[in-house]
Amino acid sequence: MTTDIRRALVVRGGWDGHQPVTISDAFVPFLKEQGFVVETSEDLAVYEDAERLTATDLIVHCWTMGTINREQSANLAAAVRAGTGLAGWHGGIVDCFHDHNYHLLTGGEFAMHPPGFHDHTVHLLPERADHPVIASLPAPR
């Protein structure tokens, strides 16, 4: 059965420091604008439903730390191998599940932040001020 409906599944949770619900909620409108029907889950048990995962076009993973069980990991990997897209950002995709070879799915894993903070300056180009990534930032001086 083929369908024109594109489905996205946003799976979010884990460590609250990365604000997985707030941050992923900010991304949901973009997915809807791109034509996705969006479902969210705050429970890794969603990865136990292999049929549901393979019927999903895109999984947006926003989960920091935590553990995944063998079945969840295997089903997620099988869905991606079958063509389901996998997206995420920062610690929400690579600082989780240091078990069951999850890092092989993402191509890497978070190891550490360097010690201390490093100040740096970002120079915004005036001719790019209308770019969506920086449009809401103060104008370059």
Protein backbone atom coordinates (compact mmCIF):
# COMPACT_ATOMS: atom_id res chain seq x y z
CA MET A 1 0.00 0.00 0.00
CA THR A 2 1.41 3.39 -0.95
CA THR A 3 0.35 6.69 0.47
CA ASP A 4 1.15 10.34 -0.08
CA ILE A 5 1.08 10.98 3.67
CA ARG A 6 4.56 11.58 5.08
CA ARG A 7 4.91 10.57 8.70
CA ALA A 8 7.43 11.87 11.23
CA LEU A 9 7.91 10.42 14.69
CA VAL A 10 9.60 12.66 17.25
CA VAL A 11 11.01 10.62 20.15
CA ARG A 12 12.15 12.81 23.00
CA GLY A 13 13.23 12.48 26.59
CA GLY A 14 16.16 11.56 28.77
CA TRP A 15 18.20 14.21 30.54
CA ASP A 16 16.14 17.39 31.07
CA GLY A 17 19.20 19.64 30.73
CA HIS A 18 18.86 19.53 26.94
CA GLN A 19 15.14 20.37 27.23
CA PRO A 20 14.04 17.62 24.83
CA VAL A 21 10.32 18.45 24.84
CA THR A 22 10.73 22.23 24.54
CA ILE A 23 13.37 21.98 21.82
CA SER A 24 11.62 19.33 19.77
CA ASP A 25 8.30 21.20 20.09
CA ALA A 26 10.03 24.16 18.46
CA PHE A 27 10.93 21.91 15.50
CA VAL A 28 7.49 20.32 15.00
CA PRO A 29 5.98 23.31 13.11
CA PHE A 30 8.79 23.08 10.56
CA LEU A 31 8.03 19.40 9.97
CA LYS A 32 4.35 20.18 9.51
CA GLU A 33 5.20 22.97 7.04
CA GLN A 34 7.15 20.36 5.08
CA GLY A 35 4.02 18.22 4.84
CA PHE A 36 4.64 15.71 7.62
CA VAL A 37 1.99 14.34 9.92
CA VAL A 38 3.85 14.48 13.22
CA GLU A 39 3.52 12.14 16.17
CA THR A 40 5.53 12.53 19.38
CA SER A 41 6.54 9.99 21.99
CA GLU A 42 8.22 10.45 25.33
CA ASP A 43 8.67 6.72 25.81
CA LEU A 44 11.30 4.52 24.18
CA ALA A 45 8.73 1.72 24.05
CA VAL A 46 7.68 3.25 20.72
CA TYR A 47 10.82 1.61 19.29
CA GLU A 48 9.38 -1.82 20.16
CA ASP A 49 6.79 -1.51 17.39
CA ALA A 50 8.81 -2.50 14.32
CA GLU A 51 5.85 -2.18 11.97
CA ARG A 52 5.14 1.36 13.15
CA LEU A 53 8.77 2.36 12.65
CA THR A 54 8.98 1.05 9.10
CA ALA A 55 5.71 2.87 8.27
CA THR A 56 7.38 6.13 9.41
CA ASP A 57 9.26 8.28 6.92
CA LEU A 58 11.37 10.18 9.45
CA ILE A 59 12.33 9.59 13.06
CA VAL A 60 13.55 12.69 14.85
CA HIS A 61 15.47 11.47 17.87
CA CYS A 62 15.92 13.93 20.76
CA TRP A 63 16.96 11.81 23.76
CA THR A 64 20.01 12.48 25.90
CA MET A 65 21.64 9.81 28.06
CA GLY A 66 19.56 6.84 29.13
CA THR A 67 19.58 3.27 27.95
CA ILE A 68 17.87 1.46 25.13
CA ASN A 69 17.06 -2.22 25.24
CA ARG A 70 18.24 -4.69 22.62
CA GLU A 71 14.82 -4.97 20.90
CA GLN A 72 14.37 -1.19 20.69
CA SER A 73 17.86 -0.72 19.27
CA ALA A 74 17.44 -3.54 16.74
CA ASN A 75 14.04 -2.25 15.56
CA LEU A 76 15.33 1.31 15.17
CA ALA A 77 18.34 0.12 13.18
CA ALA A 78 16.16 -2.14 11.00
CA ALA A 79 13.80 0.75 10.19
CA VAL A 80 16.71 2.98 9.17
CA ARG A 81 18.21 0.19 7.04
CA ALA A 82 14.78 -0.17 5.35
CA GLY A 83 14.73 3.53 4.43
CA THR A 84 13.26 5.40 7.39
CA GLY A 85 15.14 8.66 7.85
CA LEU A 86 16.85 9.42 11.16
CA ALA A 87 17.55 12.97 12.28
CA GLY A 88 18.60 14.72 15.45
CA TRP A 89 20.96 17.29 16.83
CA HIS A 90 23.59 17.76 19.51
CA GLY A 91 23.39 15.43 22.51
CA GLY A 92 19.87 14.40 21.58
CA ILE A 93 21.16 11.98 18.97
CA VAL A 94 24.77 11.13 19.91
CA ASP A 95 24.85 11.39 23.71
CA CYS A 96 22.57 8.51 24.44
CA PHE A 97 22.48 4.74 24.52
CA HIS A 98 26.09 3.76 24.96
CA ASP A 99 24.93 0.17 24.63
CA HIS A 100 23.73 -2.28 21.97
CA ASN A 101 25.90 -0.63 19.28
CA TYR A 102 23.60 2.38 18.89
CA HIS A 103 26.69 4.44 17.92
CA LEU A 104 26.99 2.37 14.74
CA LEU A 105 23.61 3.74 13.64
CA THR A 106 24.63 7.38 14.12
CA GLY A 107 28.23 7.01 13.01
CA GLY A 108 29.65 8.22 16.31
CA GLU A 109 28.97 9.11 19.89
CA PHE A 110 29.53 12.03 22.22
CA ALA A 111 32.68 11.68 24.29
CA MET A 112 33.06 14.96 26.20
CA HIS A 113 33.05 18.72 26.12
CA PRO A 114 36.53 20.21 26.29
CA PRO A 115 37.42 21.53 29.75
CA GLY A 116 36.49 25.14 30.49
CA PHE A 117 34.69 27.65 28.35
CA HIS A 118 36.23 29.32 25.34
CA ASP A 119 35.07 32.76 24.31
CA HIS A 120 34.73 33.36 20.61
CA THR A 121 33.19 35.95 18.38
CA VAL A 122 30.75 35.23 15.57
CA HIS A 123 30.62 37.77 12.76
CA LEU A 124 27.27 37.85 10.95
CA LEU A 125 27.44 39.01 7.36
CA PRO A 126 25.05 41.89 6.70
CA GLU A 127 24.25 40.52 3.24
CA ARG A 128 23.00 37.28 4.87
CA ALA A 129 20.85 38.97 7.55
CA ASP A 130 17.66 37.60 5.99
CA HIS A 131 18.79 33.95 6.24
CA PRO A 132 16.27 32.01 8.41
CA VAL A 133 18.97 30.78 10.77
CA ILE A 134 20.04 34.29 11.78
CA ALA A 135 17.05 36.45 10.79
CA SER A 136 15.89 36.93 14.38
CA LEU A 137 19.34 37.88 15.71
CA PRO A 138 20.37 41.50 16.25
CA ALA A 139 21.72 43.23 13.14
CA PRO A 140 25.50 43.01 12.63
CA ARG A 141 27.40 46.07 13.77
